[in-house]
Structure formats: structure tokens, C-alpha cells
Amino acid sequence: MARVTVEDCLQRVENRFALVLLATRRARQILKGAALLVDNSKNKAPVLALREIAADQVRFDKDLDEVMRATPAELKAKYGEPIRDTSPSTGPVSGTPKFI
């Protein structure tokens, strides 16, 4: 595959919003050191994530429609309590953003 396109990926994922979520999560996994599922390590993490999606190597582990249509009570009963961020809040963000 010379170039990966959004159309290639949308054949594997039901909508573009789900594609963004899936690609973002997979790119973060790659940046944290996850094993690559396609041969092309000279690309950056977002491109690698899209290549893996287009090759049908990456997909959601739960049915997205089921999660999107379920009520919070149904999700809580089926999957348990959501994970909450317990770090102290710093309040509203002000000033210019910092990139690390």
C-alpha cells in the first residue's frame, strides 16, 4: 500500500468519528511502544495506525453501536464503573498552551 487514505480506513470502520477515535488510540499505543502490526516502521505513529486500520489489523474490542446506544445505567451494569481521573484539578486552563 503506497498511500493510506481515509476511504481505505472507512471500509473497516463504520464512520469517520469512530475512525478518529480508533486511530488516535492506536497511535498512542504505538508511541508507548506497542508492537507494530504492519511492516513500515519509517512512518510516524498516526500513519502507522491508519495503515493498521486499513489492513484490518486493528478494530474496536466492543461493538460501537451497542456502546453508543446504551444508556449509562446499562453500560454501568454491563461493564462496571467508569474509570475516573483522581488527580487533583488545576482549575480552568489559561494562557498559551505548552507542547511537550
N, C-alpha and C. Protein backbone atom coordinates (compact mmCIF):
# COMPACT_ATOMS: atom_id res chain seq x y z
N MET A 1 0.85 -1.17 0.00
CA MET A 1 0.00 0.00 0.00
C MET A 1 0.90 1.23 0.00
N ALA A 2 0.91 1.94 -1.09
CA ALA A 2 1.78 3.11 -1.22
C ALA A 2 1.29 4.26 -0.35
N ARG A 3 0.02 4.55 -0.42
CA ARG A 3 -0.56 5.62 0.38
C ARG A 3 -1.80 5.10 1.07
N VAL A 4 -1.96 5.47 2.30
CA VAL A 4 -3.18 5.11 3.01
C VAL A 4 -4.13 6.30 2.91
N THR A 5 -5.40 6.02 2.63
CA THR A 5 -6.40 7.08 2.54
C THR A 5 -7.50 6.84 3.54
N VAL A 6 -8.24 7.88 3.81
CA VAL A 6 -9.37 7.76 4.73
C VAL A 6 -10.39 6.78 4.17
N GLU A 7 -10.56 6.77 2.85
CA GLU A 7 -11.52 5.85 2.23
C GLU A 7 -11.13 4.39 2.49
N ASP A 8 -9.84 4.10 2.46
CA ASP A 8 -9.38 2.74 2.77
C ASP A 8 -9.78 2.36 4.20
N CYS A 9 -9.61 3.28 5.10
CA CYS A 9 -9.92 3.02 6.51
C CYS A 9 -11.42 2.95 6.77
N LEU A 10 -12.19 3.77 6.07
CA LEU A 10 -13.64 3.79 6.28
C LEU A 10 -14.31 2.50 5.81
N GLN A 11 -13.62 1.70 5.02
CA GLN A 11 -14.16 0.39 4.65
C GLN A 11 -14.11 -0.57 5.83
N ARG A 12 -13.28 -0.25 6.83
CA ARG A 12 -13.09 -1.12 8.00
C ARG A 12 -13.81 -0.60 9.25
N VAL A 13 -14.06 0.72 9.30
CA VAL A 13 -14.68 1.35 10.46
C VAL A 13 -15.96 2.02 9.99
N GLU A 14 -17.02 1.96 10.82
CA GLU A 14 -18.34 2.37 10.35
C GLU A 14 -18.52 3.87 10.08
N ASN A 15 -17.79 4.75 10.75
CA ASN A 15 -17.94 6.17 10.44
C ASN A 15 -16.64 6.91 10.74
N ARG A 16 -16.53 8.12 10.25
CA ARG A 16 -15.28 8.86 10.36
C ARG A 16 -14.95 9.25 11.79
N PHE A 17 -15.97 9.44 12.63
CA PHE A 17 -15.73 9.80 14.02
C PHE A 17 -15.12 8.61 14.77
N ALA A 18 -15.66 7.43 14.52
CA ALA A 18 -15.09 6.22 15.11
C ALA A 18 -13.67 6.00 14.60
N LEU A 19 -13.44 6.32 13.34
CA LEU A 19 -12.10 6.18 12.77
C LEU A 19 -11.09 7.07 13.50
N VAL A 20 -11.49 8.30 13.79
CA VAL A 20 -10.60 9.21 14.51
C VAL A 20 -10.28 8.66 15.89
N LEU A 21 -11.29 8.17 16.60
CA LEU A 21 -11.06 7.60 17.93
C LEU A 21 -10.13 6.40 17.87
N LEU A 22 -10.40 5.50 16.95
CA LEU A 22 -9.60 4.29 16.83
C LEU A 22 -8.15 4.62 16.45
N ALA A 23 -7.97 5.49 15.47
CA ALA A 23 -6.62 5.85 15.02
C ALA A 23 -5.85 6.56 16.12
N THR A 24 -6.52 7.43 16.86
CA THR A 24 -5.86 8.15 17.95
C THR A 24 -5.40 7.20 19.04
N ARG A 25 -6.29 6.30 19.43
CA ARG A 25 -5.93 5.34 20.48
C ARG A 25 -4.78 4.44 20.04
N ARG A 26 -4.83 3.97 18.81
CA ARG A 26 -3.76 3.09 18.33
C ARG A 26 -2.44 3.84 18.18
N ALA A 27 -2.49 5.09 17.72
CA ALA A 27 -1.26 5.88 17.59
C ALA A 27 -0.62 6.08 18.96
N ARG A 28 -1.42 6.31 19.98
CA ARG A 28 -0.88 6.46 21.34
C ARG A 28 -0.25 5.17 21.82
N GLN A 29 -0.87 4.04 21.50
CA GLN A 29 -0.29 2.75 21.87
C GLN A 29 1.07 2.57 21.19
N ILE A 30 1.15 2.93 19.92
CA ILE A 30 2.40 2.80 19.18
C ILE A 30 3.48 3.69 19.80
N LEU A 31 3.11 4.92 20.15
CA LEU A 31 4.07 5.83 20.77
C LEU A 31 4.57 5.31 22.11
N LYS A 32 3.74 4.54 22.81
CA LYS A 32 4.14 3.97 24.10
C LYS A 32 4.91 2.66 23.94
N GLY A 33 5.14 2.24 22.69
CA GLY A 33 5.98 1.07 22.47
C GLY A 33 5.27 -0.20 22.06
N ALA A 34 4.01 -0.14 21.69
CA ALA A 34 3.28 -1.33 21.25
C ALA A 34 3.90 -1.89 19.98
N ALA A 35 3.80 -3.20 19.82
CA ALA A 35 4.34 -3.86 18.63
C ALA A 35 3.57 -3.41 17.39
N LEU A 36 4.29 -3.21 16.29
CA LEU A 36 3.66 -2.81 15.03
C LEU A 36 3.01 -4.02 14.38
N LEU A 37 1.86 -3.81 13.77
CA LEU A 37 1.12 -4.88 13.12
C LEU A 37 1.29 -4.87 11.61
N VAL A 38 1.96 -3.86 11.08
CA VAL A 38 2.27 -3.77 9.65
C VAL A 38 3.76 -3.47 9.50
N ASP A 39 4.32 -3.85 8.37
CA ASP A 39 5.74 -3.60 8.12
C ASP A 39 5.92 -2.24 7.45
N ASN A 40 6.31 -1.27 8.21
CA ASN A 40 6.65 0.05 7.68
C ASN A 40 6.96 0.96 8.86
N SER A 41 8.04 0.70 9.52
CA SER A 41 8.36 1.43 10.74
C SER A 41 8.93 2.82 10.50
N LYS A 42 9.14 3.22 9.24
CA LYS A 42 9.69 4.56 9.00
C LYS A 42 8.62 5.65 8.99
N ASN A 43 7.36 5.27 9.11
CA ASN A 43 6.28 6.25 9.20
C ASN A 43 6.06 6.67 10.64
N LYS A 44 5.38 7.79 10.82
CA LYS A 44 5.04 8.26 12.16
C LYS A 44 3.83 7.49 12.68
N ALA A 45 3.62 7.58 13.99
CA ALA A 45 2.59 6.79 14.66
C ALA A 45 1.18 6.96 14.07
N PRO A 46 0.71 8.18 13.76
CA PRO A 46 -0.64 8.30 13.19
C PRO A 46 -0.78 7.59 11.84
N VAL A 47 0.24 7.66 11.01
CA VAL A 47 0.19 6.99 9.70
C VAL A 47 0.23 5.48 9.89
N LEU A 48 1.06 5.01 10.82
CA LEU A 48 1.10 3.58 11.10
C LEU A 48 -0.25 3.08 11.60
N ALA A 49 -0.89 3.87 12.47
CA ALA A 49 -2.20 3.48 12.99
C ALA A 49 -3.21 3.37 11.85
N LEU A 50 -3.22 4.33 10.93
CA LEU A 50 -4.14 4.27 9.79
C LEU A 50 -3.82 3.09 8.88
N ARG A 51 -2.54 2.80 8.68
CA ARG A 51 -2.16 1.64 7.87
C ARG A 51 -2.67 0.34 8.50
N GLU A 52 -2.56 0.24 9.81
CA GLU A 52 -3.04 -0.95 10.51
C GLU A 52 -4.56 -1.08 10.40
N ILE A 53 -5.26 0.03 10.48
CA ILE A 53 -6.72 0.00 10.34
C ILE A 53 -7.10 -0.41 8.92
N ALA A 54 -6.45 0.17 7.92
CA ALA A 54 -6.74 -0.16 6.52
C ALA A 54 -6.44 -1.63 6.23
N ALA A 55 -5.45 -2.19 6.91
CA ALA A 55 -5.09 -3.60 6.72
C ALA A 55 -5.97 -4.53 7.56
N ASP A 56 -6.95 -3.97 8.25
CA ASP A 56 -7.89 -4.73 9.10
C ASP A 56 -7.16 -5.47 10.22
N GLN A 57 -6.11 -4.84 10.75
CA GLN A 57 -5.36 -5.41 11.86
C GLN A 57 -5.80 -4.83 13.21
N VAL A 58 -6.53 -3.72 13.18
CA VAL A 58 -6.95 -3.04 14.39
C VAL A 58 -8.44 -2.77 14.29
N ARG A 59 -9.16 -3.04 15.38
CA ARG A 59 -10.60 -2.74 15.43
C ARG A 59 -11.01 -2.54 16.89
N PHE A 60 -12.20 -2.01 17.10
CA PHE A 60 -12.71 -1.84 18.45
C PHE A 60 -12.98 -3.20 19.06
N ASP A 61 -12.75 -3.33 20.37
CA ASP A 61 -13.00 -4.60 21.02
C ASP A 61 -14.45 -4.76 21.46
N LYS A 62 -15.21 -3.71 21.47
CA LYS A 62 -16.64 -3.77 21.80
C LYS A 62 -17.41 -3.21 20.61
N ASP A 63 -18.64 -3.67 20.45
CA ASP A 63 -19.47 -3.18 19.37
C ASP A 63 -19.79 -1.71 19.62
N LEU A 64 -19.37 -0.85 18.72
CA LEU A 64 -19.53 0.59 18.90
C LEU A 64 -20.99 1.00 18.96
N ASP A 65 -21.83 0.42 18.11
CA ASP A 65 -23.25 0.76 18.14
C ASP A 65 -23.88 0.42 19.48
N GLU A 66 -23.48 -0.71 20.04
CA GLU A 66 -24.02 -1.12 21.34
C GLU A 66 -23.65 -0.10 22.41
N VAL A 67 -22.43 0.36 22.41
CA VAL A 67 -21.99 1.31 23.41
C VAL A 67 -22.64 2.67 23.19
N MET A 68 -22.77 3.11 21.94
CA MET A 68 -23.33 4.43 21.66
C MET A 68 -24.83 4.52 21.97
N ARG A 69 -25.55 3.43 21.81
CA ARG A 69 -27.00 3.46 22.01
C ARG A 69 -27.43 3.11 23.43
N ALA A 70 -26.54 2.55 24.20
CA ALA A 70 -26.89 2.12 25.55
C ALA A 70 -26.99 3.33 26.48
N THR A 71 -27.84 3.18 27.47
CA THR A 71 -27.96 4.22 28.49
C THR A 71 -26.79 4.07 29.47
N PRO A 72 -26.47 5.11 30.20
CA PRO A 72 -25.39 4.99 31.19
C PRO A 72 -25.63 3.87 32.20
N ALA A 73 -26.88 3.67 32.61
CA ALA A 73 -27.18 2.59 33.57
C ALA A 73 -26.91 1.22 32.96
N GLU A 74 -27.26 1.03 31.69
CA GLU A 74 -26.99 -0.24 31.01
C GLU A 74 -25.49 -0.50 30.89
N LEU A 75 -24.76 0.54 30.53
CA LEU A 75 -23.30 0.39 30.41
C LEU A 75 -22.66 0.07 31.75
N LYS A 76 -23.15 0.74 32.80
CA LYS A 76 -22.62 0.51 34.14
C LYS A 76 -22.89 -0.93 34.58
N ALA A 77 -24.10 -1.44 34.29
CA ALA A 77 -24.44 -2.81 34.66
C ALA A 77 -23.60 -3.82 33.89
N LYS A 78 -23.32 -3.54 32.62
CA LYS A 78 -22.61 -4.50 31.79
C LYS A 78 -21.10 -4.44 31.97
N TYR A 79 -20.53 -3.22 32.08
CA TYR A 79 -19.08 -3.07 32.09
C TYR A 79 -18.50 -2.58 33.41
N GLY A 80 -19.34 -2.23 34.37
CA GLY A 80 -18.84 -1.74 35.65
C GLY A 80 -18.68 -0.23 35.66
N GLU A 81 -18.13 0.26 36.74
CA GLU A 81 -17.94 1.70 36.92
C GLU A 81 -16.90 2.25 35.94
N PRO A 82 -17.13 3.45 35.41
CA PRO A 82 -16.11 4.06 34.54
C PRO A 82 -14.88 4.44 35.36
N ILE A 83 -13.75 4.49 34.71
CA ILE A 83 -12.52 4.91 35.37
C ILE A 83 -12.52 6.43 35.46
N ARG A 84 -12.31 6.93 36.63
CA ARG A 84 -12.33 8.37 36.85
C ARG A 84 -10.90 8.88 37.09
N ASP A 85 -10.65 10.09 36.64
CA ASP A 85 -9.36 10.72 36.89
C ASP A 85 -9.36 11.21 38.33
N THR A 86 -8.44 10.71 39.13
CA THR A 86 -8.38 11.09 40.54
C THR A 86 -7.29 12.11 40.82
N SER A 87 -6.64 12.60 39.78
CA SER A 87 -5.60 13.60 40.00
C SER A 87 -6.24 14.92 40.41
N PRO A 88 -5.52 15.72 41.21
CA PRO A 88 -6.11 16.99 41.64
C PRO A 88 -6.35 17.92 40.46
N SER A 89 -7.47 18.61 40.51
CA SER A 89 -7.82 19.53 39.44
C SER A 89 -7.02 20.81 39.57
N THR A 90 -6.59 21.32 38.45
CA THR A 90 -5.84 22.58 38.48
C THR A 90 -6.71 23.77 38.12
N GLY A 91 -7.99 23.52 37.91
CA GLY A 91 -8.88 24.61 37.56
C GLY A 91 -8.87 24.90 36.08
N PRO A 92 -9.48 26.02 35.68
CA PRO A 92 -9.55 26.35 34.26
C PRO A 92 -8.17 26.62 33.68
N VAL A 93 -8.03 26.30 32.43
CA VAL A 93 -6.77 26.50 31.74
C VAL A 93 -6.70 27.94 31.24
N SER A 94 -5.56 28.57 31.44
CA SER A 94 -5.39 29.93 30.95
C SER A 94 -4.01 30.07 30.32
N GLY A 95 -3.83 31.11 29.55
CA GLY A 95 -2.54 31.35 28.93
C GLY A 95 -2.37 30.56 27.64
N THR A 96 -1.15 30.49 27.17
CA THR A 96 -0.87 29.79 25.93
C THR A 96 -0.57 28.32 26.22
N PRO A 97 -0.95 27.44 25.31
CA PRO A 97 -0.70 26.02 25.55
C PRO A 97 0.78 25.70 25.45
N LYS A 98 1.19 24.69 26.22
CA LYS A 98 2.57 24.21 26.16
C LYS A 98 2.58 22.89 25.44
N PHE A 99 3.50 22.73 24.54
CA PHE A 99 3.67 21.47 23.84
C PHE A 99 4.92 20.80 24.36
N ILE A 100 4.78 19.57 24.71
CA ILE A 100 5.91 18.82 25.28
C ILE A 100 6.51 17.94 24.23
